């Protein structure tokens, strides 16, 4: 005979199993939901940049504020500063291999300025913040984001500059106008060139130009230099130059810098014309993609 207590046990067993199933269905999703939270934190990218000169390390985004202060006039349009932030971030990641190697604080790599002008500090920080983690890539890798002060109407190709063809460092139009004239005595020219040339010989210099109108070669007397060599020897602002002799040597240059990659004055001119940062960097670095920085390569 089945006791009354046994009947109660059977009834309890009848309801316990469904209750357990309901509880498990409620707990299991909560368990996995809690587990998913740290994943978002883990995806936050923290990269430090170390200075070669001092071994001091700074978070990447903080470092970029000092680079903007050192590399581009803070009075420039915000969109130009944002374009510079993207280029500088990309350059730093490529140069340091995601923070593994040190970087110089000079024009050898990127100029870093520790002291910020209070008038522009907020603007510089905004340019970095609004482009946070944005870099330029080609075939999935950070590019060599070269930049310069001003162009001569079109940027220089990497092939003309270094002999190496790079798909995103090609000649593109640049809207700024930047000219300069420097004057030298005959003695200064001869000292810089380690020669003994006359004013007549310099005035009769033979010049060839490349497809971006920069000087490819210059020959004075029986000696020749590349335009880049001649520019460096005389400390000229650009390799697009013309020479005039008149009781001295007068050299007019167009542009400022090597001319490869983004022109900073050109970026400001494009921004003034309504272009945003993305449009500016994609103009000066064609064939690239604007992507979010991954924590490692």
C-alpha atoms as a PDB file:
ATOM      1  CA  UNK A   1       0.000   0.000   0.000  1.00  0.00           C
ATOM      2  CA  UNK A   2       1.291   3.474  -0.897  1.00  0.00           C
ATOM      3  CA  UNK A   3       1.486   5.819   2.098  1.00  0.00           C
ATOM      4  CA  UNK A   4       0.255   9.421   2.121  1.00  0.00           C
ATOM      5  CA  UNK A   5       3.869  10.576   2.530  1.00  0.00           C
ATOM      6  CA  UNK A   6       4.939   8.680  -0.588  1.00  0.00           C
ATOM      7  CA  UNK A   7       2.217  10.420  -2.569  1.00  0.00           C
ATOM      8  CA  UNK A   8       3.523  13.791  -1.443  1.00  0.00           C
ATOM      9  CA  UNK A   9       7.057  12.792  -2.504  1.00  0.00           C
ATOM     10  CA  UNK A  10       5.786  11.860  -5.940  1.00  0.00           C
ATOM     11  CA  UNK A  11       3.967  15.173  -6.305  1.00  0.00           C
ATOM     12  CA  UNK A  12       7.143  17.072  -5.296  1.00  0.00           C
ATOM     13  CA  UNK A  13       9.232  15.188  -7.822  1.00  0.00           C
ATOM     14  CA  UNK A  14       6.636  16.003 -10.429  1.00  0.00           C
ATOM     15  CA  UNK A  15       7.182  19.765  -9.940  1.00  0.00           C
ATOM     16  CA  UNK A  16      10.882  19.906  -8.998  1.00  0.00           C
ATOM     17  CA  UNK A  17      12.251  18.948 -12.441  1.00  0.00           C
ATOM     18  CA  UNK A  18      10.372  21.692 -14.356  1.00  0.00           C
ATOM     19  CA  UNK A  19      11.388  24.181 -11.653  1.00  0.00           C
ATOM     20  CA  UNK A  20      15.065  23.267 -12.067  1.00  0.00           C
ATOM     21  CA  UNK A  21      14.791  23.682 -15.849  1.00  0.00           C
ATOM     22  CA  UNK A  22      13.231  27.160 -15.457  1.00  0.00           C
ATOM     23  CA  UNK A  23      15.943  28.245 -13.010  1.00  0.00           C
ATOM     24  CA  UNK A  24      18.711  27.022 -15.324  1.00  0.00           C
ATOM     25  CA  UNK A  25      17.192  28.830 -18.304  1.00  0.00           C
ATOM     26  CA  UNK A  26      17.292  32.062 -16.260  1.00  0.00           C
ATOM     27  CA  UNK A  27      20.801  31.642 -14.773  1.00  0.00           C
ATOM     28  CA  UNK A  28      22.718  30.453 -17.859  1.00  0.00           C
ATOM     29  CA  UNK A  29      22.102  33.627 -19.984  1.00  0.00           C
ATOM     30  CA  UNK A  30      23.108  35.797 -16.992  1.00  0.00           C
ATOM     31  CA  UNK A  31      26.290  33.788 -16.595  1.00  0.00           C
ATOM     32  CA  UNK A  32      27.340  34.316 -20.216  1.00  0.00           C
ATOM     33  CA  UNK A  33      26.278  37.972 -20.153  1.00  0.00           C
ATOM     34  CA  UNK A  34      28.608  38.628 -17.223  1.00  0.00           C
ATOM     35  CA  UNK A  35      31.436  36.808 -18.947  1.00  0.00           C
ATOM     36  CA  UNK A  36      31.120  39.020 -22.054  1.00  0.00           C
ATOM     37  CA  UNK A  37      31.844  42.278 -20.216  1.00  0.00           C
ATOM     38  CA  UNK A  38      35.622  41.907 -19.796  1.00  0.00           C
ATOM     39  CA  UNK A  39      35.915  41.322 -23.554  1.00  0.00           C
ATOM     40  CA  UNK A  40      34.982  44.942 -24.221  1.00  0.00           C
ATOM     41  CA  UNK A  41      37.649  46.131 -21.797  1.00  0.00           C
ATOM     42  CA  UNK A  42      40.236  43.827 -23.349  1.00  0.00           C
ATOM     43  CA  UNK A  43      39.590  45.362 -26.763  1.00  0.00           C
ATOM     44  CA  UNK A  44      40.654  48.841 -25.539  1.00  0.00           C
ATOM     45  CA  UNK A  45      44.024  49.610 -27.169  1.00  0.00           C
ATOM     46  CA  UNK A  46      46.804  50.850 -24.873  1.00  0.00           C
ATOM     47  CA  UNK A  47      50.073  51.619 -26.682  1.00  0.00           C
ATOM     48  CA  UNK A  48      52.970  53.584 -25.229  1.00  0.00           C
ATOM     49  CA  UNK A  49      55.504  55.569 -27.238  1.00  0.00           C
ATOM     50  CA  UNK A  50      59.073  55.736 -25.874  1.00  0.00           C
ATOM     51  CA  UNK A  51      61.447  58.598 -26.647  1.00  0.00           C
ATOM     52  CA  UNK A  52      64.876  57.535 -27.895  1.00  0.00           C
ATOM     53  CA  UNK A  53      66.545  60.534 -26.235  1.00  0.00           C
ATOM     54  CA  UNK A  54      65.221  60.088 -22.679  1.00  0.00           C
ATOM     55  CA  UNK A  55      63.617  56.641 -22.556  1.00  0.00           C
ATOM     56  CA  UNK A  56      60.487  58.393 -21.258  1.00  0.00           C
ATOM     57  CA  UNK A  57      57.236  56.702 -22.290  1.00  0.00           C
ATOM     58  CA  UNK A  58      53.870  58.317 -22.956  1.00  0.00           C
ATOM     59  CA  UNK A  59      50.477  56.888 -23.966  1.00  0.00           C
ATOM     60  CA  UNK A  60      50.091  57.166 -27.738  1.00  0.00           C
ATOM     61  CA  UNK A  61      47.193  59.635 -27.690  1.00  0.00           C
ATOM     62  CA  UNK A  62      48.957  61.928 -25.197  1.00  0.00           C
ATOM     63  CA  UNK A  63      52.125  61.799 -27.283  1.00  0.00           C
ATOM     64  CA  UNK A  64      50.169  62.882 -30.380  1.00  0.00           C
ATOM     65  CA  UNK A  65      49.045  66.149 -28.757  1.00  0.00           C
ATOM     66  CA  UNK A  66      52.722  67.135 -28.406  1.00  0.00           C
ATOM     67  CA  UNK A  67      53.415  66.083 -31.993  1.00  0.00           C
ATOM     68  CA  UNK A  68      50.619  68.291 -33.294  1.00  0.00           C
ATOM     69  CA  UNK A  69      52.077  71.195 -31.306  1.00  0.00           C
ATOM     70  CA  UNK A  70      55.517  70.547 -32.772  1.00  0.00           C
ATOM     71  CA  UNK A  71      54.653  69.654 -36.357  1.00  0.00           C
ATOM     72  CA  UNK A  72      51.774  71.902 -37.473  1.00  0.00           C
ATOM     73  CA  UNK A  73      50.774  75.504 -36.691  1.00  0.00           C
ATOM     74  CA  UNK A  74      48.021  75.239 -34.061  1.00  0.00           C
ATOM     75  CA  UNK A  75      46.213  78.129 -35.768  1.00  0.00           C
ATOM     76  CA  UNK A  76      45.426  75.860 -38.722  1.00  0.00           C
ATOM     77  CA  UNK A  77      41.878  74.653 -39.370  1.00  0.00           C
ATOM     78  CA  UNK A  78      40.671  71.909 -37.013  1.00  0.00           C
ATOM     79  CA  UNK A  79      40.156  69.469 -39.915  1.00  0.00           C
ATOM     80  CA  UNK A  80      43.781  70.007 -41.012  1.00  0.00           C
ATOM     81  CA  UNK A  81      44.942  69.297 -37.461  1.00  0.00           C
ATOM     82  CA  UNK A  82      42.822  66.147 -37.404  1.00  0.00           C
ATOM     83  CA  UNK A  83      44.390  65.032 -40.702  1.00  0.00           C
ATOM     84  CA  UNK A  84      47.819  65.646 -39.154  1.00  0.00           C
ATOM     85  CA  UNK A  85      46.822  63.613 -36.085  1.00  0.00           C
ATOM     86  CA  UNK A  86      45.869  60.668 -38.301  1.00  0.00           C
ATOM     87  CA  UNK A  87      49.123  60.902 -40.264  1.00  0.00           C
ATOM     88  CA  UNK A  88      51.232  61.313 -37.114  1.00  0.00           C
ATOM     89  CA  UNK A  89      49.522  58.380 -35.367  1.00  0.00           C
ATOM     90  CA  UNK A  90      50.056  56.173 -38.414  1.00  0.00           C
ATOM     91  CA  UNK A  91      53.698  57.259 -38.693  1.00  0.00           C
ATOM     92  CA  UNK A  92      54.325  56.537 -34.999  1.00  0.00           C
ATOM     93  CA  UNK A  93      52.762  53.072 -35.158  1.00  0.00           C
ATOM     94  CA  UNK A  94      54.745  52.188 -38.290  1.00  0.00           C
ATOM     95  CA  UNK A  95      58.026  53.657 -37.016  1.00  0.00           C
ATOM     96  CA  UNK A  96      57.872  52.084 -33.541  1.00  0.00           C
ATOM     97  CA  UNK A  97      56.259  48.777 -34.555  1.00  0.00           C
ATOM     98  CA  UNK A  98      53.257  49.381 -32.290  1.00  0.00           C
ATOM     99  CA  UNK A  99      55.370  50.890 -29.511  1.00  0.00           C
ATOM    100  CA  UNK A 100      58.074  48.203 -29.456  1.00  0.00           C
ATOM    101  CA  UNK A 101      60.852  50.539 -30.655  1.00  0.00           C
ATOM    102  CA  UNK A 102      61.779  54.088 -29.517  1.00  0.00           C
ATOM    103  CA  UNK A 103      61.123  57.199 -31.584  1.00  0.00           C
ATOM    104  CA  UNK A 104      63.099  60.451 -31.907  1.00  0.00           C
ATOM    105  CA  UNK A 105      61.607  63.799 -30.889  1.00  0.00           C
ATOM    106  CA  UNK A 106      63.157  65.638 -33.843  1.00  0.00           C
ATOM    107  CA  UNK A 107      62.581  66.031 -37.578  1.00  0.00           C
ATOM    108  CA  UNK A 108      64.480  62.748 -37.982  1.00  0.00           C
ATOM    109  CA  UNK A 109      61.134  61.185 -37.004  1.00  0.00           C
ATOM    110  CA  UNK A 110      58.448  63.518 -35.583  1.00  0.00           C
ATOM    111  CA  UNK A 111      58.911  66.754 -33.655  1.00  0.00           C
ATOM    112  CA  UNK A 112      57.415  66.516 -30.161  1.00  0.00           C
ATOM    113  CA  UNK A 113      56.731  69.698 -28.175  1.00  0.00           C
ATOM    114  CA  UNK A 114      56.137  69.274 -24.470  1.00  0.00           C
ATOM    115  CA  UNK A 115      55.023  72.828 -23.677  1.00  0.00           C
ATOM    116  CA  UNK A 116      51.644  73.663 -25.184  1.00  0.00           C
ATOM    117  CA  UNK A 117      50.315  77.128 -25.951  1.00  0.00           C
ATOM    118  CA  UNK A 118      47.322  77.533 -23.578  1.00  0.00           C
ATOM    119  CA  UNK A 119      45.470  79.348 -26.353  1.00  0.00           C
ATOM    120  CA  UNK A 120      45.458  76.215 -28.548  1.00  0.00           C
ATOM    121  CA  UNK A 121      45.756  73.339 -26.052  1.00  0.00           C
ATOM    122  CA  UNK A 122      42.033  72.529 -26.085  1.00  0.00           C
ATOM    123  CA  UNK A 123      41.968  72.586 -29.896  1.00  0.00           C
ATOM    124  CA  UNK A 124      44.962  70.238 -30.206  1.00  0.00           C
ATOM    125  CA  UNK A 125      43.479  67.773 -27.734  1.00  0.00           C
ATOM    126  CA  UNK A 126      40.174  67.881 -29.600  1.00  0.00           C
ATOM    127  CA  UNK A 127      41.903  67.048 -32.907  1.00  0.00           C
ATOM    128  CA  UNK A 128      43.493  63.984 -31.312  1.00  0.00           C
ATOM    129  CA  UNK A 129      40.349  62.908 -29.460  1.00  0.00           C
ATOM    130  CA  UNK A 130      38.089  63.177 -32.518  1.00  0.00           C
ATOM    131  CA  UNK A 131      40.435  60.909 -34.516  1.00  0.00           C
ATOM    132  CA  UNK A 132      41.181  58.473 -31.691  1.00  0.00           C
ATOM    133  CA  UNK A 133      42.753  55.215 -32.902  1.00  0.00           C
ATOM    134  CA  UNK A 134      42.359  56.161 -36.585  1.00  0.00           C
ATOM    135  CA  UNK A 135      45.250  55.136 -38.844  1.00  0.00           C
ATOM    136  CA  UNK A 136      45.862  54.739 -42.570  1.00  0.00           C
ATOM    137  CA  UNK A 137      46.563  51.286 -43.956  1.00  0.00           C
ATOM    138  CA  UNK A 138      47.580  49.758 -47.267  1.00  0.00           C
ATOM    139  CA  UNK A 139      47.025  46.027 -47.752  1.00  0.00           C
ATOM    140  CA  UNK A 140      46.121  45.821 -44.065  1.00  0.00           C
ATOM    141  CA  UNK A 141      49.373  47.374 -42.779  1.00  0.00           C
ATOM    142  CA  UNK A 142      50.023  50.884 -41.389  1.00  0.00           C
ATOM    143  CA  UNK A 143      51.541  53.069 -44.100  1.00  0.00           C
ATOM    144  CA  UNK A 144      54.718  55.148 -44.055  1.00  0.00           C
ATOM    145  CA  UNK A 145      52.803  58.391 -43.593  1.00  0.00           C
ATOM    146  CA  UNK A 146      55.373  60.930 -44.777  1.00  0.00           C
ATOM    147  CA  UNK A 147      54.385  64.606 -44.651  1.00  0.00           C
ATOM    148  CA  UNK A 148      55.970  67.980 -45.319  1.00  0.00           C
ATOM    149  CA  UNK A 149      55.291  71.678 -44.780  1.00  0.00           C
ATOM    150  CA  UNK A 150      54.301  72.875 -48.257  1.00  0.00           C
ATOM    151  CA  UNK A 151      54.319  71.667 -51.829  1.00  0.00           C
ATOM    152  CA  UNK A 152      54.968  73.337 -55.178  1.00  0.00           C
ATOM    153  CA  UNK A 153      51.531  72.685 -56.589  1.00  0.00           C
ATOM    154  CA  UNK A 154      51.876  68.911 -56.589  1.00  0.00           C
ATOM    155  CA  UNK A 155      53.422  66.440 -54.189  1.00  0.00           C
ATOM    156  CA  UNK A 156      56.581  64.486 -54.917  1.00  0.00           C
ATOM    157  CA  UNK A 157      56.572  60.759 -55.672  1.00  0.00           C
ATOM    158  CA  UNK A 158      58.468  58.325 -53.470  1.00  0.00           C
ATOM    159  CA  UNK A 159      60.164  57.043 -56.627  1.00  0.00           C
ATOM    160  CA  UNK A 160      61.590  60.494 -57.455  1.00  0.00           C
ATOM    161  CA  UNK A 161      62.624  61.052 -53.837  1.00  0.00           C
ATOM    162  CA  UNK A 162      64.174  57.717 -52.902  1.00  0.00           C
ATOM    163  CA  UNK A 163      64.048  55.488 -55.983  1.00  0.00           C
ATOM    164  CA  UNK A 164      61.355  53.268 -54.432  1.00  0.00           C
ATOM    165  CA  UNK A 165      57.837  53.223 -55.877  1.00  0.00           C
ATOM    166  CA  UNK A 166      55.099  53.198 -53.237  1.00  0.00           C
ATOM    167  CA  UNK A 167      51.466  53.074 -54.358  1.00  0.00           C
ATOM    168  CA  UNK A 168      50.176  55.661 -51.868  1.00  0.00           C
ATOM    169  CA  UNK A 169      53.094  58.133 -52.142  1.00  0.00           C
ATOM    170  CA  UNK A 170      52.368  59.418 -55.624  1.00  0.00           C
ATOM    171  CA  UNK A 171      52.064  62.893 -57.135  1.00  0.00           C
ATOM    172  CA  UNK A 172      48.744  64.595 -56.325  1.00  0.00           C
ATOM    173  CA  UNK A 173      47.656  68.219 -56.643  1.00  0.00           C
ATOM    174  CA  UNK A 174      48.158  70.564 -53.706  1.00  0.00           C
ATOM    175  CA  UNK A 175      46.454  73.979 -53.605  1.00  0.00           C
ATOM    176  CA  UNK A 176      48.826  76.117 -51.502  1.00  0.00           C
ATOM    177  CA  UNK A 177      51.349  78.656 -52.796  1.00  0.00           C
ATOM    178  CA  UNK A 178      54.614  78.860 -50.858  1.00  0.00           C
ATOM    179  CA  UNK A 179      57.677  80.594 -52.285  1.00  0.00           C
ATOM    180  CA  UNK A 180      60.937  81.848 -50.818  1.00  0.00           C
ATOM    181  CA  UNK A 181      64.091  83.534 -52.112  1.00  0.00           C
ATOM    182  CA  UNK A 182      67.531  83.175 -50.550  1.00  0.00           C
ATOM    183  CA  UNK A 183      70.640  85.111 -51.541  1.00  0.00           C
ATOM    184  CA  UNK A 184      74.240  83.898 -51.331  1.00  0.00           C
ATOM    185  CA  UNK A 185      77.611  85.420 -51.997  1.00  0.00           C
ATOM    186  CA  UNK A 186      79.875  83.642 -54.443  1.00  0.00           C
ATOM    187  CA  UNK A 187      82.122  82.643 -51.526  1.00  0.00           C
ATOM    188  CA  UNK A 188      79.187  81.045 -49.684  1.00  0.00           C
ATOM    189  CA  UNK A 189      78.208  79.046 -52.779  1.00  0.00           C
ATOM    190  CA  UNK A 190      81.764  77.800 -53.317  1.00  0.00           C
ATOM    191  CA  UNK A 191      82.113  76.872 -49.670  1.00  0.00           C
ATOM    192  CA  UNK A 192      78.855  74.911 -49.642  1.00  0.00           C
ATOM    193  CA  UNK A 193      79.621  73.136 -52.930  1.00  0.00           C
ATOM    194  CA  UNK A 194      83.336  72.696 -52.170  1.00  0.00           C
ATOM    195  CA  UNK A 195      84.176  74.263 -55.530  1.00  0.00           C
ATOM    196  CA  UNK A 196      85.788  77.256 -57.205  1.00  0.00           C
ATOM    197  CA  UNK A 197      83.068  78.401 -59.569  1.00  0.00           C
ATOM    198  CA  UNK A 198      82.606  81.814 -61.133  1.00  0.00           C
ATOM    199  CA  UNK A 199      79.337  83.759 -61.193  1.00  0.00           C
ATOM    200  CA  UNK A 200      79.208  83.160 -64.945  1.00  0.00           C
ATOM    201  CA  UNK A 201      79.439  79.385 -64.473  1.00  0.00           C
ATOM    202  CA  UNK A 202      76.669  79.407 -61.869  1.00  0.00           C
ATOM    203  CA  UNK A 203      74.501  81.580 -64.094  1.00  0.00           C
ATOM    204  CA  UNK A 204      74.933  79.018 -66.900  1.00  0.00           C
ATOM    205  CA  UNK A 205      74.016  76.028 -64.731  1.00  0.00           C
ATOM    206  CA  UNK A 206      72.294  73.219 -66.641  1.00  0.00           C
ATOM    207  CA  UNK A 207      69.118  72.019 -64.920  1.00  0.00           C
ATOM    208  CA  UNK A 208      66.850  69.049 -65.689  1.00  0.00           C
ATOM    209  CA  UNK A 209      63.483  68.594 -63.980  1.00  0.00           C
ATOM    210  CA  UNK A 210      61.369  65.572 -63.121  1.00  0.00           C
ATOM    211  CA  UNK A 211      57.646  65.060 -63.660  1.00  0.00           C
ATOM    212  CA  UNK A 212      56.720  67.126 -60.557  1.00  0.00           C
ATOM    213  CA  UNK A 213      58.870  70.073 -61.727  1.00  0.00           C
ATOM    214  CA  UNK A 214      61.478  69.556 -59.031  1.00  0.00           C
ATOM    215  CA  UNK A 215      65.137  69.676 -60.047  1.00  0.00           C
ATOM    216  CA  UNK A 216      66.371  66.236 -61.024  1.00  0.00           C
ATOM    217  CA  UNK A 217      69.978  67.226 -61.779  1.00  0.00           C
ATOM    218  CA  UNK A 218      71.989  70.434 -61.815  1.00  0.00           C
ATOM    219  CA  UNK A 219      75.385  70.781 -63.516  1.00  0.00           C
ATOM    220  CA  UNK A 220      77.790  73.656 -62.884  1.00  0.00           C
ATOM    221  CA  UNK A 221      81.036  73.538 -64.830  1.00  0.00           C
ATOM    222  CA  UNK A 222      82.108  69.913 -64.840  1.00  0.00           C
ATOM    223  CA  UNK A 223      80.286  68.883 -61.644  1.00  0.00           C
ATOM    224  CA  UNK A 224      76.740  67.595 -61.166  1.00  0.00           C
ATOM    225  CA  UNK A 225      74.379  67.040 -58.234  1.00  0.00           C
ATOM    226  CA  UNK A 226      70.866  65.735 -57.820  1.00  0.00           C
ATOM    227  CA  UNK A 227      68.310  68.371 -56.921  1.00  0.00           C
ATOM    228  CA  UNK A 228      67.983  66.796 -53.483  1.00  0.00           C
ATOM    229  CA  UNK A 229      71.765  66.923 -52.909  1.00  0.00           C
ATOM    230  CA  UNK A 230      71.976  70.553 -54.048  1.00  0.00           C
ATOM    231  CA  UNK A 231      69.071  71.519 -51.795  1.00  0.00           C
ATOM    232  CA  UNK A 232      70.691  69.891 -48.757  1.00  0.00           C
ATOM    233  CA  UNK A 233      74.129  71.418 -49.415  1.00  0.00           C
ATOM    234  CA  UNK A 234      72.709  74.938 -49.591  1.00  0.00           C
ATOM    235  CA  UNK A 235      69.938  74.451 -47.031  1.00  0.00           C
ATOM    236  CA  UNK A 236      67.199  75.363 -49.508  1.00  0.00           C
ATOM    237  CA  UNK A 237      63.547  74.993 -48.574  1.00  0.00           C
ATOM    238  CA  UNK A 238      62.697  72.914 -51.645  1.00  0.00           C
ATOM    239  CA  UNK A 239      64.172  71.009 -54.583  1.00  0.00           C
ATOM    240  CA  UNK A 240      62.017  73.091 -56.941  1.00  0.00           C
ATOM    241  CA  UNK A 241      64.326  76.053 -57.444  1.00  0.00           C
ATOM    242  CA  UNK A 242      65.523  78.564 -60.039  1.00  0.00           C
ATOM    243  CA  UNK A 243      68.850  80.433 -59.965  1.00  0.00           C
ATOM    244  CA  UNK A 244      69.454  84.072 -60.836  1.00  0.00           C
ATOM    245  CA  UNK A 245      72.908  85.687 -60.815  1.00  0.00           C
ATOM    246  CA  UNK A 246      73.114  89.432 -60.147  1.00  0.00           C
ATOM    247  CA  UNK A 247      76.031  90.602 -58.001  1.00  0.00           C
ATOM    248  CA  UNK A 248      75.447  87.434 -56.021  1.00  0.00           C
ATOM    249  CA  UNK A 249      73.405  84.257 -56.345  1.00  0.00           C
ATOM    250  CA  UNK A 250      69.645  84.405 -55.757  1.00  0.00           C
ATOM    251  CA  UNK A 251      67.703  81.145 -55.524  1.00  0.00           C
ATOM    252  CA  UNK A 252      63.908  81.098 -55.537  1.00  0.00           C
ATOM    253  CA  UNK A 253      62.197  77.980 -54.198  1.00  0.00           C
ATOM    254  CA  UNK A 254      58.621  76.741 -54.433  1.00  0.00           C
ATOM    255  CA  UNK A 255      57.330  74.653 -51.547  1.00  0.00           C
ATOM    256  CA  UNK A 256      58.961  73.703 -48.253  1.00  0.00           C
ATOM    257  CA  UNK A 257      60.259  70.232 -47.480  1.00  0.00           C
ATOM    258  CA  UNK A 258      60.819  67.002 -49.378  1.00  0.00           C
ATOM    259  CA  UNK A 259      57.353  67.178 -50.920  1.00  0.00           C
ATOM    260  CA  UNK A 260      56.366  63.539 -50.273  1.00  0.00           C
ATOM    261  CA  UNK A 261      52.994  62.634 -48.758  1.00  0.00           C
ATOM    262  CA  UNK A 262      50.695  65.149 -47.099  1.00  0.00           C
ATOM    263  CA  UNK A 263      51.367  68.858 -47.439  1.00  0.00           C
ATOM    264  CA  UNK A 264      50.498  70.600 -44.174  1.00  0.00           C
ATOM    265  CA  UNK A 265      49.781  73.986 -45.772  1.00  0.00           C
ATOM    266  CA  UNK A 266      47.894  72.148 -48.489  1.00  0.00           C
ATOM    267  CA  UNK A 267      45.825  70.333 -45.854  1.00  0.00           C
ATOM    268  CA  UNK A 268      44.928  73.678 -44.291  1.00  0.00           C
ATOM    269  CA  UNK A 269      43.946  75.071 -47.697  1.00  0.00           C
ATOM    270  CA  UNK A 270      41.753  72.031 -48.399  1.00  0.00           C
ATOM    271  CA  UNK A 271      40.130  72.344 -44.971  1.00  0.00           C
ATOM    272  CA  UNK A 272      39.405  76.016 -45.633  1.00  0.00           C
ATOM    273  CA  UNK A 273      37.700  74.880 -48.835  1.00  0.00           C
ATOM    274  CA  UNK A 274      35.368  72.561 -46.923  1.00  0.00           C
ATOM    275  CA  UNK A 275      37.216  69.226 -46.933  1.00  0.00           C
ATOM    276  CA  UNK A 276      37.160  67.149 -43.748  1.00  0.00           C
ATOM    277  CA  UNK A 277      40.067  65.207 -42.277  1.00  0.00           C
ATOM    278  CA  UNK A 278      39.143  61.926 -43.958  1.00  0.00           C
ATOM    279  CA  UNK A 279      38.920  63.585 -47.369  1.00  0.00           C
ATOM    280  CA  UNK A 280      42.260  65.324 -46.812  1.00  0.00           C
ATOM    281  CA  UNK A 281      44.236  62.198 -45.889  1.00  0.00           C
ATOM    282  CA  UNK A 282      42.657  60.155 -48.655  1.00  0.00           C
ATOM    283  CA  UNK A 283      43.614  62.896 -51.133  1.00  0.00           C
ATOM    284  CA  UNK A 284      47.266  62.950 -50.089  1.00  0.00           C
ATOM    285  CA  UNK A 285      47.544  59.185 -49.491  1.00  0.00           C
ATOM    286  CA  UNK A 286      45.576  57.620 -52.364  1.00  0.00           C
ATOM    287  CA  UNK A 287      44.863  53.873 -52.360  1.00  0.00           C
ATOM    288  CA  UNK A 288      44.822  53.752 -48.538  1.00  0.00           C
ATOM    289  CA  UNK A 289      42.058  52.925 -46.038  1.00  0.00           C
ATOM    290  CA  UNK A 290      41.164  54.809 -42.870  1.00  0.00           C
ATOM    291  CA  UNK A 291      40.785  52.146 -40.204  1.00  0.00           C
ATOM    292  CA  UNK A 292      40.715  51.654 -36.451  1.00  0.00           C
ATOM    293  CA  UNK A 293      44.029  50.820 -34.828  1.00  0.00           C
ATOM    294  CA  UNK A 294      44.460  47.229 -33.651  1.00  0.00           C
ATOM    295  CA  UNK A 295      46.515  46.675 -30.492  1.00  0.00           C
ATOM    296  CA  UNK A 296      49.201  44.783 -32.393  1.00  0.00           C
ATOM    297  CA  UNK A 297      50.150  43.969 -35.964  1.00  0.00           C
END
